[in-house]
Amino acid sequence: MDEAAVPVFFSLLFPAGLLLFGLFVAVLLFAMRRRPQPGTGMRLTEPRSDGSRGLVGGTWNAMIHGNDLTGALGVTLGAEAGRLELSEGILSFIPADAEVAAWAVPCAQLGVGRGVIGPVRLVGPTWTIHCTVSHERINRFSRNTMKTLREQGYAKEFVAALQAYGAHPA
């Protein structure tokens, strides 16, 4: 390169880098502000006279993992996709391509827990499973860090809903 071309090269490099950085920030903001899919999450009753609201139930997209190490880590390969429905104190799992629930259990017979990061742990009368819950579609073959962070809030909501119907900490 001759000496006159070097400043021109760097003067073009800076705007290109600035443009790429701006694009990165725009994608990041879009991912963080994305709204959940409608119709999922907790459903509440109409406000009462004292201003409080009671829990009716809810629906969460779910990925059911096993009780092994991969399940505890939230690995989605081999997990079963579907939705968890909470209605009148009964939690049921409906697989993705099914019309009827694969299983249903009263919340009073459930233990529920969650770590800082990772799936929710459900402990039933004779079984333990790990599940990822979300208002959004759950990625099966790829990771999305922003979505994973939002799923922690959905998990907190899910655990609170189960405990409101009598599930005990596990």
C-alpha atoms as a PDB file:
ATOM      1  CA  MET A   1       0.000   0.000   0.000  1.00  0.00           C
ATOM      2  CA  ASP A   2       1.223   3.453  -0.682  1.00  0.00           C
ATOM      3  CA  GLU A   3       1.201   6.091   2.032  1.00  0.00           C
ATOM      4  CA  ALA A   4      -1.835   7.933   0.650  1.00  0.00           C
ATOM      5  CA  ALA A   5      -3.991   4.780   0.667  1.00  0.00           C
ATOM      6  CA  VAL A   6      -3.424   3.992   4.366  1.00  0.00           C
ATOM      7  CA  PRO A   7      -5.497   6.918   5.775  1.00  0.00           C
ATOM      8  CA  VAL A   8      -8.261   6.201   3.244  1.00  0.00           C
ATOM      9  CA  PHE A   9      -8.315   2.550   4.325  1.00  0.00           C
ATOM     10  CA  PHE A  10      -8.623   3.448   8.017  1.00  0.00           C
ATOM     11  CA  SER A  11     -11.194   6.156   7.306  1.00  0.00           C
ATOM     12  CA  LEU A  12     -13.378   3.468   5.675  1.00  0.00           C
ATOM     13  CA  LEU A  13     -12.685   0.878   8.386  1.00  0.00           C
ATOM     14  CA  PHE A  14     -14.032   3.012  11.245  1.00  0.00           C
ATOM     15  CA  PRO A  15     -17.514   3.623   9.743  1.00  0.00           C
ATOM     16  CA  ALA A  16     -17.778  -0.059   8.794  1.00  0.00           C
ATOM     17  CA  GLY A  17     -16.928  -1.092  12.372  1.00  0.00           C
ATOM     18  CA  LEU A  18     -19.384   1.462  13.721  1.00  0.00           C
ATOM     19  CA  LEU A  19     -22.081   0.110  11.410  1.00  0.00           C
ATOM     20  CA  LEU A  20     -21.438  -3.485  12.551  1.00  0.00           C
ATOM     21  CA  PHE A  21     -21.532  -2.423  16.198  1.00  0.00           C
ATOM     22  CA  GLY A  22     -24.824  -0.592  15.622  1.00  0.00           C
ATOM     23  CA  LEU A  23     -26.284  -3.662  13.930  1.00  0.00           C
ATOM     24  CA  PHE A  24     -25.201  -5.826  16.881  1.00  0.00           C
ATOM     25  CA  VAL A  25     -26.843  -3.430  19.373  1.00  0.00           C
ATOM     26  CA  ALA A  26     -30.053  -3.345  17.296  1.00  0.00           C
ATOM     27  CA  VAL A  27     -30.275  -7.158  17.205  1.00  0.00           C
ATOM     28  CA  LEU A  28     -29.580  -7.325  20.944  1.00  0.00           C
ATOM     29  CA  LEU A  29     -32.309  -4.780  21.726  1.00  0.00           C
ATOM     30  CA  PHE A  30     -34.767  -6.594  19.472  1.00  0.00           C
ATOM     31  CA  ALA A  31     -34.049  -9.907  21.224  1.00  0.00           C
ATOM     32  CA  MET A  32     -34.476  -8.384  24.669  1.00  0.00           C
ATOM     33  CA  ARG A  33     -37.720  -6.558  23.870  1.00  0.00           C
ATOM     34  CA  ARG A  34     -39.453  -9.416  22.075  1.00  0.00           C
ATOM     35  CA  ARG A  35     -42.852 -10.041  23.562  1.00  0.00           C
ATOM     36  CA  PRO A  36     -44.165 -13.462  24.588  1.00  0.00           C
ATOM     37  CA  GLN A  37     -46.589 -15.290  22.398  1.00  0.00           C
ATOM     38  CA  PRO A  38     -50.189 -14.485  23.299  1.00  0.00           C
ATOM     39  CA  GLY A  39     -52.268 -16.926  25.297  1.00  0.00           C
ATOM     40  CA  THR A  40     -49.512 -18.365  27.444  1.00  0.00           C
ATOM     41  CA  GLY A  41     -48.522 -17.772  31.027  1.00  0.00           C
ATOM     42  CA  MET A  42     -50.650 -17.339  34.121  1.00  0.00           C
ATOM     43  CA  ARG A  43     -54.302 -16.400  33.904  1.00  0.00           C
ATOM     44  CA  LEU A  44     -55.726 -14.355  36.736  1.00  0.00           C
ATOM     45  CA  THR A  45     -59.299 -13.747  37.846  1.00  0.00           C
ATOM     46  CA  GLU A  46     -60.968 -10.373  37.630  1.00  0.00           C
ATOM     47  CA  PRO A  47     -59.885  -7.913  40.337  1.00  0.00           C
ATOM     48  CA  ARG A  48     -61.603  -8.418  43.672  1.00  0.00           C
ATOM     49  CA  SER A  49     -63.089  -5.650  45.816  1.00  0.00           C
ATOM     50  CA  ASP A  50     -59.828  -5.389  47.789  1.00  0.00           C
ATOM     51  CA  GLY A  51     -57.839  -4.943  44.552  1.00  0.00           C
ATOM     52  CA  SER A  52     -56.164  -8.375  44.644  1.00  0.00           C
ATOM     53  CA  ARG A  53     -56.493 -10.992  41.955  1.00  0.00           C
ATOM     54  CA  GLY A  54     -56.732 -14.757  42.322  1.00  0.00           C
ATOM     55  CA  LEU A  55     -54.958 -17.357  40.253  1.00  0.00           C
ATOM     56  CA  VAL A  56     -57.066 -19.350  37.810  1.00  0.00           C
ATOM     57  CA  GLY A  57     -54.395 -21.329  36.012  1.00  0.00           C
ATOM     58  CA  GLY A  58     -52.098 -21.009  33.068  1.00  0.00           C
ATOM     59  CA  THR A  59     -50.408 -22.526  30.060  1.00  0.00           C
ATOM     60  CA  TRP A  60     -46.675 -22.673  29.398  1.00  0.00           C
ATOM     61  CA  ASN A  61     -44.739 -24.041  26.456  1.00  0.00           C
ATOM     62  CA  ALA A  62     -42.615 -26.843  27.864  1.00  0.00           C
ATOM     63  CA  MET A  63     -39.711 -29.104  27.119  1.00  0.00           C
ATOM     64  CA  ILE A  64     -39.742 -32.204  29.354  1.00  0.00           C
ATOM     65  CA  HIS A  65     -36.252 -33.533  30.083  1.00  0.00           C
ATOM     66  CA  GLY A  66     -35.321 -36.717  31.879  1.00  0.00           C
ATOM     67  CA  ASN A  67     -34.021 -37.097  35.417  1.00  0.00           C
ATOM     68  CA  ASP A  68     -30.418 -37.678  34.365  1.00  0.00           C
ATOM     69  CA  LEU A  69     -27.539 -35.208  34.163  1.00  0.00           C
ATOM     70  CA  THR A  70     -28.521 -33.982  30.684  1.00  0.00           C
ATOM     71  CA  GLY A  71     -32.043 -33.292  31.935  1.00  0.00           C
ATOM     72  CA  ALA A  72     -30.733 -31.353  34.919  1.00  0.00           C
ATOM     73  CA  LEU A  73     -28.625 -29.251  32.547  1.00  0.00           C
ATOM     74  CA  GLY A  74     -31.592 -28.589  30.249  1.00  0.00           C
ATOM     75  CA  VAL A  75     -30.240 -30.346  27.164  1.00  0.00           C
ATOM     76  CA  THR A  76     -33.054 -30.330  24.622  1.00  0.00           C
ATOM     77  CA  LEU A  77     -31.913 -33.257  22.476  1.00  0.00           C
ATOM     78  CA  GLY A  78     -34.134 -36.191  23.377  1.00  0.00           C
ATOM     79  CA  ALA A  79     -36.537 -33.971  25.329  1.00  0.00           C
ATOM     80  CA  GLU A  80     -40.271 -34.036  24.679  1.00  0.00           C
ATOM     81  CA  ALA A  81     -41.900 -30.795  23.546  1.00  0.00           C
ATOM     82  CA  GLY A  82     -45.430 -29.801  24.464  1.00  0.00           C
ATOM     83  CA  ARG A  83     -47.242 -27.583  26.914  1.00  0.00           C
ATOM     84  CA  LEU A  84     -47.948 -27.653  30.628  1.00  0.00           C
ATOM     85  CA  GLU A  85     -51.442 -26.602  31.626  1.00  0.00           C
ATOM     86  CA  LEU A  86     -52.469 -25.651  35.142  1.00  0.00           C
ATOM     87  CA  SER A  87     -56.197 -25.671  35.743  1.00  0.00           C
ATOM     88  CA  GLU A  88     -58.076 -25.884  39.031  1.00  0.00           C
ATOM     89  CA  GLY A  89     -55.022 -27.179  40.878  1.00  0.00           C
ATOM     90  CA  ILE A  90     -54.133 -29.932  38.395  1.00  0.00           C
ATOM     91  CA  LEU A  91     -50.980 -29.780  36.283  1.00  0.00           C
ATOM     92  CA  SER A  92     -51.110 -31.700  33.010  1.00  0.00           C
ATOM     93  CA  PHE A  93     -48.651 -32.201  30.169  1.00  0.00           C
ATOM     94  CA  ILE A  94     -49.932 -32.260  26.592  1.00  0.00           C
ATOM     95  CA  PRO A  95     -47.319 -33.418  24.036  1.00  0.00           C
ATOM     96  CA  ALA A  96     -46.830 -31.223  20.957  1.00  0.00           C
ATOM     97  CA  ASP A  97     -48.800 -33.389  18.528  1.00  0.00           C
ATOM     98  CA  ALA A  98     -51.462 -34.663  20.919  1.00  0.00           C
ATOM     99  CA  GLU A  99     -54.974 -33.564  21.778  1.00  0.00           C
ATOM    100  CA  VAL A 100     -55.117 -35.137  25.236  1.00  0.00           C
ATOM    101  CA  ALA A 101     -52.793 -34.954  28.215  1.00  0.00           C
ATOM    102  CA  ALA A 102     -50.081 -37.580  28.570  1.00  0.00           C
ATOM    103  CA  TRP A 103     -50.269 -37.183  32.350  1.00  0.00           C
ATOM    104  CA  ALA A 104     -51.975 -35.059  34.981  1.00  0.00           C
ATOM    105  CA  VAL A 105     -51.219 -34.677  38.683  1.00  0.00           C
ATOM    106  CA  PRO A 106     -52.739 -32.549  41.454  1.00  0.00           C
ATOM    107  CA  CYS A 107     -50.386 -29.773  42.577  1.00  0.00           C
ATOM    108  CA  ALA A 108     -50.752 -30.876  46.201  1.00  0.00           C
ATOM    109  CA  GLN A 109     -48.870 -34.077  45.269  1.00  0.00           C
ATOM    110  CA  LEU A 110     -46.031 -32.191  43.558  1.00  0.00           C
ATOM    111  CA  GLY A 111     -42.723 -30.908  44.773  1.00  0.00           C
ATOM    112  CA  VAL A 112     -41.323 -28.090  42.670  1.00  0.00           C
ATOM    113  CA  GLY A 113     -37.959 -26.387  42.651  1.00  0.00           C
ATOM    114  CA  ARG A 114     -35.594 -24.510  40.434  1.00  0.00           C
ATOM    115  CA  GLY A 115     -31.971 -23.529  40.559  1.00  0.00           C
ATOM    116  CA  VAL A 116     -30.458 -20.199  39.680  1.00  0.00           C
ATOM    117  CA  ILE A 117     -29.991 -21.368  36.097  1.00  0.00           C
ATOM    118  CA  GLY A 118     -31.463 -24.444  34.505  1.00  0.00           C
ATOM    119  CA  PRO A 119     -34.780 -26.187  34.237  1.00  0.00           C
ATOM    120  CA  VAL A 120     -37.545 -26.518  36.803  1.00  0.00           C
ATOM    121  CA  ARG A 121     -37.528 -29.752  38.824  1.00  0.00           C
ATOM    122  CA  LEU A 122     -40.896 -31.462  39.314  1.00  0.00           C
ATOM    123  CA  VAL A 123     -41.050 -34.237  41.897  1.00  0.00           C
ATOM    124  CA  GLY A 124     -44.130 -36.433  41.723  1.00  0.00           C
ATOM    125  CA  PRO A 125     -45.242 -39.341  43.865  1.00  0.00           C
ATOM    126  CA  THR A 126     -42.892 -41.802  42.117  1.00  0.00           C
ATOM    127  CA  TRP A 127     -40.901 -39.725  39.620  1.00  0.00           C
ATOM    128  CA  THR A 128     -38.712 -36.689  39.106  1.00  0.00           C
ATOM    129  CA  ILE A 129     -38.456 -34.768  35.847  1.00  0.00           C
ATOM    130  CA  HIS A 130     -36.803 -31.577  34.742  1.00  0.00           C
ATOM    131  CA  CYS A 131     -38.613 -29.182  32.437  1.00  0.00           C
ATOM    132  CA  THR A 132     -37.994 -25.888  30.702  1.00  0.00           C
ATOM    133  CA  VAL A 133     -41.044 -23.605  30.626  1.00  0.00           C
ATOM    134  CA  SER A 134     -41.598 -20.501  28.536  1.00  0.00           C
ATOM    135  CA  HIS A 135     -44.202 -18.171  27.102  1.00  0.00           C
ATOM    136  CA  GLU A 136     -42.244 -18.371  23.861  1.00  0.00           C
ATOM    137  CA  ARG A 137     -41.419 -21.253  21.545  1.00  0.00           C
ATOM    138  CA  ILE A 138     -38.516 -23.196  23.042  1.00  0.00           C
ATOM    139  CA  ASN A 139     -35.503 -23.701  20.791  1.00  0.00           C
ATOM    140  CA  ARG A 140     -34.639 -27.364  20.300  1.00  0.00           C
ATOM    141  CA  PHE A 141     -31.468 -27.311  18.240  1.00  0.00           C
ATOM    142  CA  SER A 142     -29.918 -23.943  18.991  1.00  0.00           C
ATOM    143  CA  ARG A 143     -29.343 -21.610  21.916  1.00  0.00           C
ATOM    144  CA  ASN A 144     -30.543 -18.038  22.351  1.00  0.00           C
ATOM    145  CA  THR A 145     -28.991 -16.443  25.402  1.00  0.00           C
ATOM    146  CA  MET A 146     -31.573 -13.666  25.688  1.00  0.00           C
ATOM    147  CA  LYS A 147     -34.424 -16.172  25.479  1.00  0.00           C
ATOM    148  CA  THR A 148     -32.733 -18.385  28.069  1.00  0.00           C
ATOM    149  CA  LEU A 149     -32.536 -15.421  30.436  1.00  0.00           C
ATOM    150  CA  ARG A 150     -36.232 -14.609  29.878  1.00  0.00           C
ATOM    151  CA  GLU A 151     -37.102 -18.260  30.535  1.00  0.00           C
ATOM    152  CA  GLN A 152     -35.758 -17.856  34.081  1.00  0.00           C
ATOM    153  CA  GLY A 153     -38.543 -15.334  34.722  1.00  0.00           C
ATOM    154  CA  TYR A 154     -41.114 -17.692  33.215  1.00  0.00           C
ATOM    155  CA  ALA A 155     -39.808 -20.493  35.451  1.00  0.00           C
ATOM    156  CA  LYS A 156     -40.211 -18.279  38.524  1.00  0.00           C
ATOM    157  CA  GLU A 157     -43.802 -17.514  37.501  1.00  0.00           C
ATOM    158  CA  PHE A 158     -44.500 -21.221  36.892  1.00  0.00           C
ATOM    159  CA  VAL A 159     -43.120 -22.277  40.293  1.00  0.00           C
ATOM    160  CA  ALA A 160     -45.146 -19.548  42.040  1.00  0.00           C
ATOM    161  CA  ALA A 161     -48.324 -20.712  40.287  1.00  0.00           C
ATOM    162  CA  LEU A 162     -47.791 -24.346  41.330  1.00  0.00           C
ATOM    163  CA  GLN A 163     -47.032 -23.321  44.900  1.00  0.00           C
ATOM    164  CA  ALA A 164     -50.191 -21.204  44.987  1.00  0.00           C
ATOM    165  CA  TYR A 165     -52.097 -24.457  44.412  1.00  0.00           C
ATOM    166  CA  GLY A 166     -50.256 -26.372  47.125  1.00  0.00           C
ATOM    167  CA  ALA A 167     -47.084 -27.724  45.528  1.00  0.00           C
ATOM    168  CA  HIS A 168     -44.330 -27.957  48.108  1.00  0.00           C
ATOM    169  CA  PRO A 169     -40.691 -26.877  47.626  1.00  0.00           C
ATOM    170  CA  ALA A 170     -38.398 -29.637  46.345  1.00  0.00           C
END
